[in-house]
Protein backbone atom coordinates (compact mmCIF):
# COMPACT_ATOMS: atom_id res chain seq x y z
CA UNK A 1 -6.64 -14.25 2.20
CA UNK A 2 -3.25 -15.31 3.29
CA UNK A 3 -0.72 -12.99 4.64
CA UNK A 4 1.55 -12.28 7.05
CA UNK A 5 0.77 -10.26 10.34
CA UNK A 6 3.33 -7.33 10.15
CA UNK A 7 6.13 -8.49 7.91
CA UNK A 8 6.39 -8.29 4.37
CA UNK A 9 6.86 -12.21 3.99
CA UNK A 10 6.01 -15.24 5.27
CA UNK A 11 8.31 -18.17 5.80
CA UNK A 12 5.81 -20.72 5.29
CA UNK A 13 3.99 -20.07 1.81
CA UNK A 14 1.78 -22.44 0.28
CA UNK A 15 1.52 -20.59 -2.92
CA UNK A 16 3.53 -20.90 -6.15
CA UNK A 17 4.63 -17.25 -6.24
CA UNK A 18 4.27 -13.97 -4.41
CA UNK A 19 1.13 -12.23 -5.38
CA UNK A 20 -1.10 -9.58 -4.49
CA UNK A 21 -4.75 -9.51 -6.22
CA UNK A 22 -6.73 -5.72 -6.05
CA UNK A 23 -10.30 -5.31 -6.82
CA UNK A 24 -10.72 -2.10 -8.74
CA UNK A 25 -13.98 -0.21 -8.52
CA UNK A 26 -14.65 3.04 -10.53
CA UNK A 27 -17.69 4.87 -10.30
CA UNK A 28 -18.92 6.93 -13.45
CA UNK A 29 -19.64 10.47 -11.28
CA UNK A 30 -19.22 10.83 -7.73
CA UNK A 31 -20.82 13.97 -6.07
CA UNK A 32 -19.80 14.86 -2.41
CA UNK A 33 -21.15 18.19 -1.49
CA UNK A 34 -21.11 19.78 -4.93
CA UNK A 35 -17.68 18.84 -6.29
CA UNK A 36 -18.08 16.45 -9.13
CA UNK A 37 -15.46 13.74 -9.66
CA UNK A 38 -14.68 10.41 -10.15
CA UNK A 39 -14.10 7.73 -7.67
CA UNK A 40 -11.27 5.29 -7.73
CA UNK A 41 -11.56 2.22 -5.17
CA UNK A 42 -8.82 -0.47 -4.70
CA UNK A 43 -8.79 -3.21 -2.11
CA UNK A 44 -6.26 -5.82 -1.64
CA UNK A 45 -8.55 -9.15 -1.73
CA UNK A 46 -5.82 -11.71 -1.66
CA UNK A 47 -2.10 -12.24 -1.32
CA UNK A 48 0.79 -14.70 -1.25
CA UNK A 49 3.58 -14.00 0.79
CA UNK A 50 2.74 -10.52 1.28
CA UNK A 51 1.39 -8.53 4.07
CA UNK A 52 -2.18 -7.03 2.25
CA UNK A 53 -1.84 -3.59 4.02
CA UNK A 54 0.25 -2.30 0.99
CA UNK A 55 -1.23 1.36 0.93
CA UNK A 56 0.80 3.91 2.91
CA UNK A 57 -1.08 6.73 4.28
CA UNK A 58 0.02 9.92 6.23
CA UNK A 59 -1.80 11.45 8.90
CA UNK A 60 -2.11 15.11 8.74
CA UNK A 61 -3.32 17.39 11.74
CA UNK A 62 -5.69 20.02 11.03
CA UNK A 63 -6.33 23.27 12.70
CA UNK A 64 -9.48 22.06 14.02
CA UNK A 65 -7.64 19.59 16.16
CA UNK A 66 -8.65 16.46 13.88
CA UNK A 67 -6.67 14.91 11.32
CA UNK A 68 -7.02 13.99 7.72
CA UNK A 69 -5.46 10.77 6.37
CA UNK A 70 -4.26 11.27 2.86
CA UNK A 71 -2.82 8.26 0.74
CA UNK A 72 1.22 8.69 0.25
CA UNK A 73 2.19 5.74 -1.72
CA UNK A 74 2.57 1.80 -2.32
CA UNK A 75 4.68 0.37 0.76
CA UNK A 76 8.18 -0.54 0.01
CA UNK A 77 9.37 -3.80 1.93
CA UNK A 78 10.85 -1.71 4.46
CA UNK A 79 7.57 0.26 4.89
CA UNK A 80 6.06 -3.19 5.24
CA UNK A 81 8.27 -3.91 8.25
CA UNK A 82 8.09 -0.05 9.60
CA UNK A 83 4.61 1.29 9.53
CA UNK A 84 2.12 -0.03 11.52
CA UNK A 85 -1.45 -0.95 10.61
CA UNK A 86 -4.75 1.10 10.78
CA UNK A 87 -2.96 4.08 12.47
CA UNK A 88 0.20 5.72 13.00
CA UNK A 89 2.49 4.67 16.05
CA UNK A 90 2.47 7.65 19.03
CA UNK A 91 4.42 10.46 17.69
CA UNK A 92 4.38 8.86 13.98
CA UNK A 93 2.70 9.91 10.72
CA UNK A 94 2.93 7.24 8.48
CA UNK A 95 0.81 3.77 8.59
CA UNK A 96 -0.92 1.33 6.11
CA UNK A 97 -4.25 0.14 5.00
CA UNK A 98 -5.55 -2.60 2.66
CA UNK A 99 -7.70 -0.01 0.69
CA UNK A 100 -7.65 3.07 -0.57
CA UNK A 101 -10.40 5.43 -2.04
CA UNK A 102 -9.43 8.39 -4.54
CA UNK A 103 -11.08 11.18 -6.12
CA UNK A 104 -10.20 12.61 -9.30
CA UNK A 105 -11.31 15.33 -11.49
CA UNK A 106 -11.07 13.66 -14.66
CA UNK A 107 -11.43 10.24 -16.07
CA UNK A 108 -8.13 10.57 -17.25
CA UNK A 109 -6.55 11.55 -14.54
CA UNK A 110 -7.74 8.34 -12.60
CA UNK A 111 -6.73 5.95 -15.16
CA UNK A 112 -3.17 7.58 -15.04
CA UNK A 113 -3.16 7.24 -11.45
CA UNK A 114 -4.73 3.81 -11.37
CA UNK A 115 -1.86 2.46 -13.94
CA UNK A 116 0.94 4.12 -12.07
CA UNK A 117 -0.40 2.37 -8.70
CA UNK A 118 -0.38 -0.98 -10.30
CA UNK A 119 2.97 -0.40 -11.56
CA UNK A 120 4.20 0.46 -8.10
CA UNK A 121 2.65 -2.87 -6.75
CA UNK A 122 4.50 -4.74 -9.22
CA UNK A 123 7.81 -2.95 -8.49
CA UNK A 124 7.31 -3.68 -4.51
CA UNK A 125 6.64 -7.62 -5.74
CA UNK A 126 9.96 -7.23 -7.36
CA UNK A 127 11.83 -5.78 -4.83
CA UNK A 128 10.34 -8.12 -2.19
CA UNK A 129 11.50 -10.85 -4.58
CA UNK A 130 14.96 -9.38 -4.59
CA UNK A 131 15.37 -8.90 -0.65
CA UNK A 132 13.92 -12.44 -0.31
CA UNK A 133 16.90 -13.79 -2.68
CA UNK A 134 19.74 -12.02 -1.46
CA UNK A 135 22.43 -14.28 -1.97
CA UNK A 136 25.82 -12.41 -0.98
CA UNK A 137 25.44 -12.21 2.86
CA UNK A 138 28.81 -11.28 4.55
CA UNK A 139 29.72 -10.80 7.77
CA UNK A 140 32.25 -7.80 8.14
CA UNK A 141 33.99 -7.81 11.75
CA UNK A 142 35.31 -4.14 12.51
CA UNK A 143 37.90 -3.59 15.32
């Protein structure tokens, strides 16, 4: 995988265009305990000029003293620069990973969510392109 260590873009890119390749896995049935559902697994398997950790999670404390990590969104260009990988910063709650597992009650809900995530990844790539091609930078001096 080609990706930068912690930023949303790399200055030395050897690919023709920025991209993210996702591996999608869907189980026909998923049973944990007694709840039946459908499992969607998404994993970044290749990138160019994009950090592979595009899935933003939120760490929510539990009453028992532990925590639960919940998928929040696809990273924005700012999220890629600000949120750490694997675990939140001390005092923080958001972080990024390169994979996500989501369980849905119906196949139709899974399909809707998968389509929305793919659209969000495409929009993230477009936003990164806009940031990378900013042309009208101006220095404003205030006194």
